[in-house]
């Protein structure tokens, strides 16, 4: 089971780091492993961007009824892309982050990149 996604700020400035956290709990009868995945969607890019772009993942082991918090760190570089002028840049505006065990079943949060 995944908790709701928490982020350490809703507005991220250039040069700052955004922390995205989620707590994963093993609700099964046996110990197991889970690959926690982080996706980002740029809602304000100058050109069309992927709906969900994988930006991080972490494999964790959980005992029965054990919980672990996984924290990902995003920088402006993680939000950047190559535009049609071959410049690597991040556009200010809104972004969504998605965390889950796959790209379909995710929890999400929203933040804004500001200049």
PDB file of N, CA and C in Angstrom:
ATOM      1  N   UNK A   1       0.846  -1.179   0.000  1.00  0.00           N
ATOM      2  CA  UNK A   1       0.000   0.000   0.000  1.00  0.00           C
ATOM      3  C   UNK A   1       0.886   1.236   0.000  1.00  0.00           C
ATOM      4  N   UNK A   2       0.476   2.234  -0.774  1.00  0.00           N
ATOM      5  CA  UNK A   2       1.202   3.495  -0.876  1.00  0.00           C
ATOM      6  C   UNK A   2       0.424   4.586  -0.149  1.00  0.00           C
ATOM      7  N   UNK A   3       1.130   5.393   0.627  1.00  0.00           N
ATOM      8  CA  UNK A   3       0.511   6.567   1.240  1.00  0.00           C
ATOM      9  C   UNK A   3       0.360   7.645   0.172  1.00  0.00           C
ATOM     10  N   UNK A   4      -0.294   8.727   0.526  1.00  0.00           N
ATOM     11  CA  UNK A   4      -0.338   9.868  -0.380  1.00  0.00           C
ATOM     12  C   UNK A   4       1.070  10.428  -0.544  1.00  0.00           C
ATOM     13  N   UNK A   5       1.331  11.030  -1.679  1.00  0.00           N
ATOM     14  CA  UNK A   5       2.633  11.633  -1.960  1.00  0.00           C
ATOM     15  C   UNK A   5       2.744  12.942  -1.176  1.00  0.00           C
ATOM     16  N   UNK A   6       3.911  13.160  -0.575  1.00  0.00           N
ATOM     17  CA  UNK A   6       4.150  14.450   0.065  1.00  0.00           C
ATOM     18  C   UNK A   6       5.359  15.099  -0.598  1.00  0.00           C
ATOM     19  N   UNK A   7       5.273  16.412  -0.761  1.00  0.00           N
ATOM     20  CA  UNK A   7       6.383  17.182  -1.325  1.00  0.00           C
ATOM     21  C   UNK A   7       6.753  18.262  -0.312  1.00  0.00           C
ATOM     22  N   UNK A   8       8.043  18.625  -0.280  1.00  0.00           N
ATOM     23  CA  UNK A   8       8.496  19.563   0.736  1.00  0.00           C
ATOM     24  C   UNK A   8       8.195  21.022   0.406  1.00  0.00           C
ATOM     25  N   UNK A   9       7.727  21.301  -0.819  1.00  0.00           N
ATOM     26  CA  UNK A   9       7.338  22.668  -1.187  1.00  0.00           C
ATOM     27  C   UNK A   9       6.445  22.606  -2.414  1.00  0.00           C
ATOM     28  N   UNK A  10       5.574  23.599  -2.550  1.00  0.00           N
ATOM     29  CA  UNK A  10       4.694  23.657  -3.720  1.00  0.00           C
ATOM     30  C   UNK A  10       5.234  24.593  -4.789  1.00  0.00           C
ATOM     31  N   UNK A  11       6.226  25.410  -4.419  1.00  0.00           N
ATOM     32  CA  UNK A  11       6.894  26.288  -5.388  1.00  0.00           C
ATOM     33  C   UNK A  11       8.393  26.035  -5.290  1.00  0.00           C
ATOM     34  N   UNK A  12       8.990  25.677  -6.411  1.00  0.00           N
ATOM     35  CA  UNK A  12      10.419  25.364  -6.474  1.00  0.00           C
ATOM     36  C   UNK A  12      11.111  26.428  -7.317  1.00  0.00           C
ATOM     37  N   UNK A  13      12.147  27.033  -6.758  1.00  0.00           N
ATOM     38  CA  UNK A  13      12.911  28.048  -7.491  1.00  0.00           C
ATOM     39  C   UNK A  13      14.119  27.397  -8.158  1.00  0.00           C
ATOM     40  N   UNK A  14      14.648  28.064  -9.159  1.00  0.00           N
ATOM     41  CA  UNK A  14      15.845  27.589  -9.840  1.00  0.00           C
ATOM     42  C   UNK A  14      16.965  27.397  -8.823  1.00  0.00           C
ATOM     43  N   UNK A  15      17.655  26.283  -8.883  1.00  0.00           N
ATOM     44  CA  UNK A  15      18.734  25.977  -7.954  1.00  0.00           C
ATOM     45  C   UNK A  15      18.294  25.225  -6.708  1.00  0.00           C
ATOM     46  N   UNK A  16      17.006  25.103  -6.484  1.00  0.00           N
ATOM     47  CA  UNK A  16      16.501  24.383  -5.316  1.00  0.00           C
ATOM     48  C   UNK A  16      16.269  22.911  -5.646  1.00  0.00           C
ATOM     49  N   UNK A  17      16.065  22.123  -4.598  1.00  0.00           N
ATOM     50  CA  UNK A  17      15.758  20.705  -4.740  1.00  0.00           C
ATOM     51  C   UNK A  17      14.377  20.441  -4.161  1.00  0.00           C
ATOM     52  N   UNK A  18      13.582  19.690  -4.898  1.00  0.00           N
ATOM     53  CA  UNK A  18      12.258  19.285  -4.436  1.00  0.00           C
ATOM     54  C   UNK A  18      12.358  17.859  -3.928  1.00  0.00           C
ATOM     55  N   UNK A  19      11.837  17.604  -2.729  1.00  0.00           N
ATOM     56  CA  UNK A  19      11.824  16.252  -2.169  1.00  0.00           C
ATOM     57  C   UNK A  19      10.416  15.686  -2.276  1.00  0.00           C
ATOM     58  N   UNK A  20      10.319  14.516  -2.872  1.00  0.00           N
ATOM     59  CA  UNK A  20       9.051  13.819  -3.074  1.00  0.00           C
ATOM     60  C   UNK A  20       9.115  12.534  -2.255  1.00  0.00           C
ATOM     61  N   UNK A  21       8.178  12.368  -1.306  1.00  0.00           N
ATOM     62  CA  UNK A  21       8.215  11.209  -0.408  1.00  0.00           C
ATOM     63  C   UNK A  21       6.904  10.444  -0.438  1.00  0.00           C
ATOM     64  N   UNK A  22       7.030   9.143  -0.199  1.00  0.00           N
ATOM     65  CA  UNK A  22       5.872   8.272  -0.076  1.00  0.00           C
ATOM     66  C   UNK A  22       6.246   7.151   0.889  1.00  0.00           C
ATOM     67  N   UNK A  23       5.289   6.695   1.661  1.00  0.00           N
ATOM     68  CA  UNK A  23       5.505   5.564   2.560  1.00  0.00           C
ATOM     69  C   UNK A  23       4.836   4.338   1.958  1.00  0.00           C
ATOM     70  N   UNK A  24       5.600   3.252   1.857  1.00  0.00           N
ATOM     71  CA  UNK A  24       5.105   2.004   1.284  1.00  0.00           C
ATOM     72  C   UNK A  24       4.989   0.987   2.417  1.00  0.00           C
ATOM     73  N   UNK A  25       3.848   0.311   2.509  1.00  0.00           N
ATOM     74  CA  UNK A  25       3.595  -0.674   3.555  1.00  0.00           C
ATOM     75  C   UNK A  25       3.289  -2.026   2.927  1.00  0.00           C
ATOM     76  N   UNK A  26       3.926  -3.064   3.447  1.00  0.00           N
ATOM     77  CA  UNK A  26       3.644  -4.428   3.004  1.00  0.00           C
ATOM     78  C   UNK A  26       2.391  -4.900   3.741  1.00  0.00           C
ATOM     79  N   UNK A  27       1.307  -5.056   2.995  1.00  0.00           N
ATOM     80  CA  UNK A  27       0.038  -5.497   3.587  1.00  0.00           C
ATOM     81  C   UNK A  27      -0.183  -6.994   3.403  1.00  0.00           C
ATOM     82  N   UNK A  28       0.804  -7.678   2.827  1.00  0.00           N
ATOM     83  CA  UNK A  28       0.673  -9.107   2.568  1.00  0.00           C
ATOM     84  C   UNK A  28       1.146  -9.968   3.740  1.00  0.00           C
ATOM     85  N   UNK A  29       1.081 -11.261   3.537  1.00  0.00           N
ATOM     86  CA  UNK A  29       1.449 -12.228   4.575  1.00  0.00           C
ATOM     87  C   UNK A  29       2.930 -12.587   4.540  1.00  0.00           C
ATOM     88  N   UNK A  30       3.641 -12.185   3.485  1.00  0.00           N
ATOM     89  CA  UNK A  30       5.038 -12.577   3.307  1.00  0.00           C
ATOM     90  C   UNK A  30       5.909 -11.357   3.054  1.00  0.00           C
ATOM     91  N   UNK A  31       7.191 -11.499   3.347  1.00  0.00           N
ATOM     92  CA  UNK A  31       8.152 -10.449   3.013  1.00  0.00           C
ATOM     93  C   UNK A  31       8.238 -10.350   1.490  1.00  0.00           C
ATOM     94  N   UNK A  32       8.590  -9.184   1.011  1.00  0.00           N
ATOM     95  CA  UNK A  32       8.667  -9.022  -0.433  1.00  0.00           C
ATOM     96  C   UNK A  32       9.479  -7.798  -0.822  1.00  0.00           C
ATOM     97  N   UNK A  33       9.546  -7.581  -2.123  1.00  0.00           N
ATOM     98  CA  UNK A  33      10.263  -6.442  -2.673  1.00  0.00           C
ATOM     99  C   UNK A  33       9.318  -5.633  -3.545  1.00  0.00           C
ATOM    100  N   UNK A  34       9.596  -4.349  -3.618  1.00  0.00           N
ATOM    101  CA  UNK A  34       8.786  -3.441  -4.437  1.00  0.00           C
ATOM    102  C   UNK A  34       9.724  -2.447  -5.113  1.00  0.00           C
ATOM    103  N   UNK A  35       9.440  -2.129  -6.363  1.00  0.00           N
ATOM    104  CA  UNK A  35      10.188  -1.087  -7.068  1.00  0.00           C
ATOM    105  C   UNK A  35       9.296   0.157  -7.075  1.00  0.00           C
ATOM    106  N   UNK A  36       9.686   1.149  -6.295  1.00  0.00           N
ATOM    107  CA  UNK A  36       8.950   2.407  -6.197  1.00  0.00           C
ATOM    108  C   UNK A  36       9.437   3.310  -7.326  1.00  0.00           C
ATOM    109  N   UNK A  37       8.487   3.820  -8.119  1.00  0.00           N
ATOM    110  CA  UNK A  37       8.835   4.584  -9.315  1.00  0.00           C
ATOM    111  C   UNK A  37       8.324   6.017  -9.233  1.00  0.00           C
ATOM    112  N   UNK A  38       9.127   6.955  -9.723  1.00  0.00           N
ATOM    113  CA  UNK A  38       8.768   8.375  -9.748  1.00  0.00           C
ATOM    114  C   UNK A  38       8.658   8.841 -11.193  1.00  0.00           C
ATOM    115  N   UNK A  39       7.520   9.444 -11.524  1.00  0.00           N
ATOM    116  CA  UNK A  39       7.279   9.998 -12.859  1.00  0.00           C
ATOM    117  C   UNK A  39       6.976  11.492 -12.734  1.00  0.00           C
ATOM    118  N   UNK A  40       7.294  12.238 -13.787  1.00  0.00           N
ATOM    119  CA  UNK A  40       7.030  13.676 -13.823  1.00  0.00           C
ATOM    120  C   UNK A  40       6.284  14.011 -15.106  1.00  0.00           C
ATOM    121  N   UNK A  41       5.360  14.967 -14.998  1.00  0.00           N
ATOM    122  CA  UNK A  41       4.667  15.505 -16.174  1.00  0.00           C
ATOM    123  C   UNK A  41       4.804  17.014 -16.167  1.00  0.00           C
ATOM    124  N   UNK A  42       5.286  17.550 -17.263  1.00  0.00           N
ATOM    125  CA  UNK A  42       5.449  18.996 -17.435  1.00  0.00           C
ATOM    126  C   UNK A  42       4.167  19.527 -18.063  1.00  0.00           C
ATOM    127  N   UNK A  43       3.430  20.356 -17.319  1.00  0.00           N
ATOM    128  CA  UNK A  43       2.163  20.883 -17.819  1.00  0.00           C
ATOM    129  C   UNK A  43       2.330  22.209 -18.567  1.00  0.00           C
ATOM    130  N   UNK A  44       3.553  22.768 -18.572  1.00  0.00           N
ATOM    131  CA  UNK A  44       3.739  24.111 -19.129  1.00  0.00           C
ATOM    132  C   UNK A  44       4.873  24.216 -20.141  1.00  0.00           C
ATOM    133  N   UNK A  45       5.292  23.130 -20.721  1.00  0.00           N
ATOM    134  CA  UNK A  45       6.425  23.167 -21.653  1.00  0.00           C
ATOM    135  C   UNK A  45       6.055  23.866 -22.957  1.00  0.00           C
ATOM    136  N   UNK A  46       7.070  24.402 -23.614  1.00  0.00           N
ATOM    137  CA  UNK A  46       6.872  25.059 -24.908  1.00  0.00           C
ATOM    138  C   UNK A  46       6.502  24.057 -26.004  1.00  0.00           C
ATOM    139  N   UNK A  47       6.951  22.805 -25.845  1.00  0.00           N
ATOM    140  CA  UNK A  47       6.631  21.759 -26.816  1.00  0.00           C
ATOM    141  C   UNK A  47       5.959  20.603 -26.086  1.00  0.00           C
ATOM    142  N   UNK A  48       5.335  19.718 -26.834  1.00  0.00           N
ATOM    143  CA  UNK A  48       4.648  18.568 -26.230  1.00  0.00           C
ATOM    144  C   UNK A  48       5.649  17.678 -25.499  1.00  0.00           C
ATOM    145  N   UNK A  49       5.311  17.290 -24.280  1.00  0.00           N
ATOM    146  CA  UNK A  49       6.164  16.462 -23.431  1.00  0.00           C
ATOM    147  C   UNK A  49       5.428  15.167 -23.113  1.00  0.00           C
ATOM    148  N   UNK A  50       6.159  14.135 -22.664  1.00  0.00           N
ATOM    149  CA  UNK A  50       5.495  12.877 -22.306  1.00  0.00           C
ATOM    150  C   UNK A  50       4.474  13.080 -21.181  1.00  0.00           C
ATOM    151  N   UNK A  51       3.435  12.257 -21.204  1.00  0.00           N
ATOM    152  CA  UNK A  51       2.418  12.324 -20.153  1.00  0.00           C
ATOM    153  C   UNK A  51       3.034  11.933 -18.815  1.00  0.00           C
ATOM    154  N   UNK A  52       3.859  10.897 -18.802  1.00  0.00           N
ATOM    155  CA  UNK A  52       4.589  10.487 -17.600  1.00  0.00           C
ATOM    156  C   UNK A  52       6.000  10.104 -18.024  1.00  0.00           C
ATOM    157  N   UNK A  53       6.976  10.799 -17.452  1.00  0.00           N
ATOM    158  CA  UNK A  53       8.377  10.540 -17.776  1.00  0.00           C
ATOM    159  C   UNK A  53       9.072  10.012 -16.525  1.00  0.00           C
ATOM    160  N   UNK A  54       9.636   8.797 -16.615  1.00  0.00           N
ATOM    161  CA  UNK A  54      10.311   8.183 -15.468  1.00  0.00           C
ATOM    162  C   UNK A  54      11.536   9.002 -15.094  1.00  0.00           C
ATOM    163  N   UNK A  55      11.595   9.423 -13.820  1.00  0.00           N
ATOM    164  CA  UNK A  55      12.720  10.232 -13.347  1.00  0.00           C
ATOM    165  C   UNK A  55      13.485   9.574 -12.206  1.00  0.00           C
ATOM    166  N   UNK A  56      12.963   8.490 -11.658  1.00  0.00           N
ATOM    167  CA  UNK A  56      13.671   7.807 -10.587  1.00  0.00           C
ATOM    168  C   UNK A  56      12.951   6.547 -10.162  1.00  0.00           C
ATOM    169  N   UNK A  57      13.708   5.641  -9.559  1.00  0.00           N
ATOM    170  CA  UNK A  57      13.114   4.430  -9.004  1.00  0.00           C
ATOM    171  C   UNK A  57      14.030   3.910  -7.910  1.00  0.00           C
ATOM    172  N   UNK A  58      13.435   3.160  -6.987  1.00  0.00           N
ATOM    173  CA  UNK A  58      14.201   2.555  -5.899  1.00  0.00           C
ATOM    174  C   UNK A  58      13.560   1.223  -5.519  1.00  0.00           C
ATOM    175  N   UNK A  59      14.395   0.191  -5.440  1.00  0.00           N
ATOM    176  CA  UNK A  59      13.921  -1.131  -5.045  1.00  0.00           C
ATOM    177  C   UNK A  59      14.073  -1.264  -3.531  1.00  0.00           C
ATOM    178  N   UNK A  60      12.980  -1.639  -2.867  1.00  0.00           N
ATOM    179  CA  UNK A  60      13.010  -1.786  -1.415  1.00  0.00           C
ATOM    180  C   UNK A  60      12.537  -3.177  -1.022  1.00  0.00           C
ATOM    181  N   UNK A  61      13.027  -3.641   0.120  1.00  0.00           N
ATOM    182  CA  UNK A  61      12.584  -4.910   0.690  1.00  0.00           C
ATOM    183  C   UNK A  61      11.747  -4.598   1.913  1.00  0.00           C
ATOM    184  N   UNK A  62      10.608  -5.291   2.036  1.00  0.00           N
ATOM    185  CA  UNK A  62       9.702  -5.075   3.150  1.00  0.00           C
ATOM    186  C   UNK A  62       9.327  -6.400   3.802  1.00  0.00           C
ATOM    187  N   UNK A  63       9.471  -6.453   5.121  1.00  0.00           N
ATOM    188  CA  UNK A  63       8.982  -7.599   5.869  1.00  0.00           C
ATOM    189  C   UNK A  63       7.473  -7.500   6.026  1.00  0.00           C
ATOM    190  N   UNK A  64       6.869  -8.521   6.587  1.00  0.00           N
ATOM    191  CA  UNK A  64       5.426  -8.523   6.810  1.00  0.00           C
ATOM    192  C   UNK A  64       5.033  -7.330   7.676  1.00  0.00           C
ATOM    193  N   UNK A  65       4.061  -6.571   7.232  1.00  0.00           N
ATOM    194  CA  UNK A  65       3.532  -5.393   7.928  1.00  0.00           C
ATOM    195  C   UNK A  65       4.573  -4.287   8.124  1.00  0.00           C
ATOM    196  N   UNK A  66       5.697  -4.348   7.423  1.00  0.00           N
ATOM    197  CA  UNK A  66       6.734  -3.320   7.542  1.00  0.00           C
ATOM    198  C   UNK A  66       6.430  -2.153   6.597  1.00  0.00           C
ATOM    199  N   UNK A  67       6.811  -0.949   7.033  1.00  0.00           N
ATOM    200  CA  UNK A  67       6.660   0.254   6.217  1.00  0.00           C
ATOM    201  C   UNK A  67       8.011   0.919   6.033  1.00  0.00           C
ATOM    202  N   UNK A  68       8.211   1.521   4.865  1.00  0.00           N
ATOM    203  CA  UNK A  68       9.417   2.302   4.598  1.00  0.00           C
ATOM    204  C   UNK A  68       9.018   3.550   3.841  1.00  0.00           C
ATOM    205  N   UNK A  69       9.701   4.635   4.167  1.00  0.00           N
ATOM    206  CA  UNK A  69       9.496   5.884   3.443  1.00  0.00           C
ATOM    207  C   UNK A  69      10.597   6.027   2.402  1.00  0.00           C
ATOM    208  N   UNK A  70      10.194   6.287   1.175  1.00  0.00           N
ATOM    209  CA  UNK A  70      11.130   6.489   0.064  1.00  0.00           C
ATOM    210  C   UNK A  70      11.057   7.960  -0.326  1.00  0.00           C
ATOM    211  N   UNK A  71      12.222   8.592  -0.434  1.00  0.00           N
ATOM    212  CA  UNK A  71      12.287  10.002  -0.804  1.00  0.00           C
ATOM    213  C   UNK A  71      13.139  10.162  -2.057  1.00  0.00           C
ATOM    214  N   UNK A  72      12.559  10.839  -3.034  1.00  0.00           N
ATOM    215  CA  UNK A  72      13.265  11.171  -4.270  1.00  0.00           C
ATOM    216  C   UNK A  72      13.572  12.657  -4.248  1.00  0.00           C
ATOM    217  N   UNK A  73      14.692  13.048  -4.862  1.00  0.00           N
ATOM    218  CA  UNK A  73      15.075  14.453  -4.956  1.00  0.00           C
ATOM    219  C   UNK A  73      15.091  14.868  -6.421  1.00  0.00           C
ATOM    220  N   UNK A  74      14.358  15.935  -6.721  1.00  0.00           N
ATOM    221  CA  UNK A  74      14.296  16.473  -8.080  1.00  0.00           C
ATOM    222  C   UNK A  74      14.945  17.849  -8.118  1.00  0.00           C
ATOM    223  N   UNK A  75      15.731  18.085  -9.168  1.00  0.00           N
ATOM    224  CA  UNK A  75      16.331  19.397  -9.388  1.00  0.00           C
ATOM    225  C   UNK A  75      15.779  19.959 -10.697  1.00  0.00           C
ATOM    226  N   UNK A  76      16.140  21.188 -10.984  1.00  0.00           N
ATOM    227  CA  UNK A  76      15.700  21.802 -12.237  1.00  0.00           C
ATOM    228  C   UNK A  76      16.217  21.006 -13.444  1.00  0.00           C
ATOM    229  N   UNK A  77      17.398  20.415 -13.310  1.00  0.00           N
ATOM    230  CA  UNK A  77      17.952  19.598 -14.390  1.00  0.00           C
ATOM    231  C   UNK A  77      17.033  18.417 -14.710  1.00  0.00           C
ATOM    232  N   UNK A  78      16.421  17.823 -13.665  1.00  0.00           N
ATOM    233  CA  UNK A  78      15.502  16.702 -13.874  1.00  0.00           C
ATOM    234  C   UNK A  78      14.248  17.125 -14.626  1.00  0.00           C
ATOM    235  N   UNK A  79      13.931  18.406 -14.587  1.00  0.00           N
ATOM    236  CA  UNK A  79      12.726  18.927 -15.235  1.00  0.00           C
ATOM    237  C   UNK A  79      13.020  19.490 -16.629  1.00  0.00           C
ATOM    238  N   UNK A  80      14.285  19.485 -17.016  1.00  0.00           N
ATOM    239  CA  UNK A  80      14.706  20.083 -18.282  1.00  0.00           C
ATOM    240  C   UNK A  80      14.571  19.118 -19.456  1.00  0.00           C
ATOM    241  N   UNK A  81      14.546  19.682 -20.639  1.00  0.00           N
ATOM    242  CA  UNK A  81      14.446  18.904 -21.880  1.00  0.00           C
ATOM    243  C   UNK A  81      15.136  19.693 -22.995  1.00  0.00           C
ATOM    244  N   UNK A  82      15.391  19.002 -24.094  1.00  0.00           N
ATOM    245  CA  UNK A  82      15.967  19.652 -25.278  1.00  0.00           C
ATOM    246  C   UNK A  82      14.818  20.221 -26.109  1.00  0.00           C
ATOM    247  N   UNK A  83      14.826  21.541 -26.304  1.00  0.00           N
ATOM    248  CA  UNK A  83      13.745  22.146 -27.087  1.00  0.00           C
ATOM    249  C   UNK A  83      14.075  22.115 -28.578  1.00  0.00           C
ATOM    250  N   UNK A  84      13.206  22.724 -29.387  1.00  0.00           N
ATOM    251  CA  UNK A  84      13.405  22.676 -30.843  1.00  0.00           C
ATOM    252  C   UNK A  84      14.564  23.549 -31.327  1.00  0.00           C
ATOM    253  N   UNK A  85      15.158  24.346 -30.433  1.00  0.00           N
ATOM    254  CA  UNK A  85      16.349  25.130 -30.766  1.00  0.00           C
ATOM    255  C   UNK A  85      17.613  24.469 -30.202  1.00  0.00           C
ATOM    256  N   UNK A  86      17.482  23.219 -29.791  1.00  0.00           N
ATOM    257  CA  UNK A  86      18.564  22.420 -29.210  1.00  0.00           C
ATOM    258  C   UNK A  86      19.151  23.052 -27.945  1.00  0.00           C
ATOM    259  N   UNK A  87      18.270  23.659 -27.158  1.00  0.00           N
ATOM    260  CA  UNK A  87      18.657  24.207 -25.860  1.00  0.00           C
ATOM    261  C   UNK A  87      18.053  23.337 -24.770  1.00  0.00           C
ATOM    262  N   UNK A  88      18.882  23.011 -23.773  1.00  0.00           N
ATOM    263  CA  UNK A  88      18.432  22.201 -22.648  1.00  0.00           C
ATOM    264  C   UNK A  88      17.869  23.146 -21.595  1.00  0.00           C
ATOM    265  N   UNK A  89      16.546  23.086 -21.364  1.00  0.00           N
ATOM    266  CA  UNK A  89      15.933  24.061 -20.479  1.00  0.00           C
ATOM    267  C   UNK A  89      14.709  23.490 -19.778  1.00  0.00           C
ATOM    268  N   UNK A  90      14.354  24.132 -18.693  1.00  0.00           N
ATOM    269  CA  UNK A  90      13.122  23.825 -17.975  1.00  0.00           C
ATOM    270  C   UNK A  90      12.237  25.063 -18.054  1.00  0.00           C
ATOM    271  N   UNK A  91      10.985  24.870 -18.389  1.00  0.00           N
ATOM    272  CA  UNK A  91      10.057  25.990 -18.479  1.00  0.00           C
ATOM    273  C   UNK A  91       9.398  26.224 -17.138  1.00  0.00           C
ATOM    274  N   UNK A  92       9.290  27.480 -16.702  1.00  0.00           N
ATOM    275  CA  UNK A  92       8.552  27.745 -15.474  1.00  0.00           C
ATOM    276  C   UNK A  92       7.086  27.371 -15.670  1.00  0.00           C
ATOM    277  N   UNK A  93       6.469  26.928 -14.615  1.00  0.00           N
ATOM    278  CA  UNK A  93       5.065  26.546 -14.678  1.00  0.00           C
ATOM    279  C   UNK A  93       4.792  25.329 -13.827  1.00  0.00           C
ATOM    280  N   UNK A  94       3.614  24.751 -14.033  1.00  0.00           N
ATOM    281  CA  UNK A  94       3.166  23.638 -13.194  1.00  0.00           C
ATOM    282  C   UNK A  94       3.689  22.289 -13.691  1.00  0.00           C
ATOM    283  N   UNK A  95       3.973  21.438 -12.711  1.00  0.00           N
ATOM    284  CA  UNK A  95       4.405  20.063 -12.944  1.00  0.00           C
ATOM    285  C   UNK A  95       3.595  19.149 -12.039  1.00  0.00           C
ATOM    286  N   UNK A  96       3.434  17.914 -12.463  1.00  0.00           N
ATOM    287  CA  UNK A  96       2.855  16.880 -11.608  1.00  0.00           C
ATOM    288  C   UNK A  96       3.910  15.811 -11.377  1.00  0.00           C
ATOM    289  N   UNK A  97       3.925  15.270 -10.160  1.00  0.00           N
ATOM    290  CA  UNK A  97       4.763  14.114  -9.855  1.00  0.00           C
ATOM    291  C   UNK A  97       3.837  12.961  -9.528  1.00  0.00           C
ATOM    292  N   UNK A  98       4.234  11.774  -9.964  1.00  0.00           N
ATOM    293  CA  UNK A  98       3.467  10.553  -9.741  1.00  0.00           C
ATOM    294  C   UNK A  98       4.398   9.525  -9.119  1.00  0.00           C
ATOM    295  N   UNK A  99       3.939   8.824  -8.080  1.00  0.00           N
ATOM    296  CA  UNK A  99       4.740   7.785  -7.444  1.00  0.00           C
ATOM    297  C   UNK A  99       3.880   6.539  -7.309  1.00  0.00           C
ATOM    298  N   UNK A 100       4.456   5.387  -7.672  1.00  0.00           N
ATOM    299  CA  UNK A 100       3.733   4.130  -7.553  1.00  0.00           C
ATOM    300  C   UNK A 100       4.605   2.956  -7.931  1.00  0.00           C
ATOM    301  N   UNK A 101       4.016   1.782  -7.916  1.00  0.00           N
ATOM    302  CA  UNK A 101       4.720   0.563  -8.279  1.00  0.00           C
ATOM    303  C   UNK A 101       4.744   0.327  -9.777  1.00  0.00           C
ATOM    304  N   UNK A 102       3.955   1.105 -10.524  1.00  0.00           N
ATOM    305  CA  UNK A 102       3.947   1.070 -11.987  1.00  0.00           C
ATOM    306  C   UNK A 102       3.453   2.429 -12.471  1.00  0.00           C
ATOM    307  N   UNK A 103       3.383   2.628 -13.762  1.00  0.00           N
ATOM    308  CA  UNK A 103       3.006   3.942 -14.284  1.00  0.00           C
ATOM    309  C   UNK A 103       1.497   4.194 -14.258  1.00  0.00           C
ATOM    310  N   UNK A 104       0.704   3.169 -14.034  1.00  0.00           N
ATOM    311  CA  UNK A 104      -0.742   3.324 -14.039  1.00  0.00           C
ATOM    312  C   UNK A 104      -1.317   3.581 -12.653  1.00  0.00           C
ATOM    313  N   UNK A 105      -0.892   2.807 -11.667  1.00  0.00           N
ATOM    314  CA  UNK A 105      -1.433   2.910 -10.315  1.00  0.00           C
ATOM    315  C   UNK A 105      -0.521   3.798  -9.483  1.00  0.00           C
ATOM    316  N   UNK A 106      -0.808   5.096  -9.477  1.00  0.00           N
ATOM    317  CA  UNK A 106       0.095   6.062  -8.854  1.00  0.00           C
ATOM    318  C   UNK A 106      -0.662   7.013  -7.929  1.00  0.00           C
ATOM    319  N   UNK A 107       0.091   7.615  -7.041  1.00  0.00           N
ATOM    320  CA  UNK A 107      -0.383   8.735  -6.229  1.00  0.00           C
ATOM    321  C   UNK A 107       0.287   9.969  -6.808  1.00  0.00           C
ATOM    322  N   UNK A 108      -0.373  11.118  -6.751  1.00  0.00           N
ATOM    323  CA  UNK A 108       0.202  12.293  -7.403  1.00  0.00           C
ATOM    324  C   UNK A 108       0.156  13.539  -6.530  1.00  0.00           C
ATOM    325  N   UNK A 109       1.016  14.479  -6.885  1.00  0.00           N
ATOM    326  CA  UNK A 109       1.053  15.804  -6.256  1.00  0.00           C
ATOM    327  C   UNK A 109       1.474  16.795  -7.325  1.00  0.00           C
ATOM    328  N   UNK A 110       1.238  18.071  -7.071  1.00  0.00           N
ATOM    329  CA  UNK A 110       1.537  19.106  -8.049  1.00  0.00           C
ATOM    330  C   UNK A 110       2.414  20.179  -7.415  1.00  0.00           C
ATOM    331  N   UNK A 111       3.322  20.723  -8.221  1.00  0.00           N
ATOM    332  CA  UNK A 111       4.162  21.837  -7.771  1.00  0.00           C
ATOM    333  C   UNK A 111       4.409  22.760  -8.951  1.00  0.00           C
ATOM    334  N   UNK A 112       5.031  23.904  -8.652  1.00  0.00           N
ATOM    335  CA  UNK A 112       5.289  24.892  -9.697  1.00  0.00           C
ATOM    336  C   UNK A 112       6.756  25.285  -9.677  1.00  0.00           C
ATOM    337  N   UNK A 113       7.370  25.338 -10.863  1.00  0.00           N
ATOM    338  CA  UNK A 113       8.719  25.837 -11.022  1.00  0.00           C
ATOM    339  C   UNK A 113       8.625  27.331 -11.301  1.00  0.00           C
ATOM    340  N   UNK A 114       9.258  28.138 -10.445  1.00  0.00           N
ATOM    341  CA  UNK A 114       9.190  29.597 -10.595  1.00  0.00           C
ATOM    342  C   UNK A 114      10.574  30.164 -10.813  1.00  0.00           C
ATOM    343  N   UNK A 115      10.651  31.284 -11.455  1.00  0.00           N
ATOM    344  CA  UNK A 115      11.934  31.972 -11.704  1.00  0.00           C
ATOM    345  C   UNK A 115      12.086  33.103 -10.719  1.00  0.00           C
TER     346      UNK A 115
END
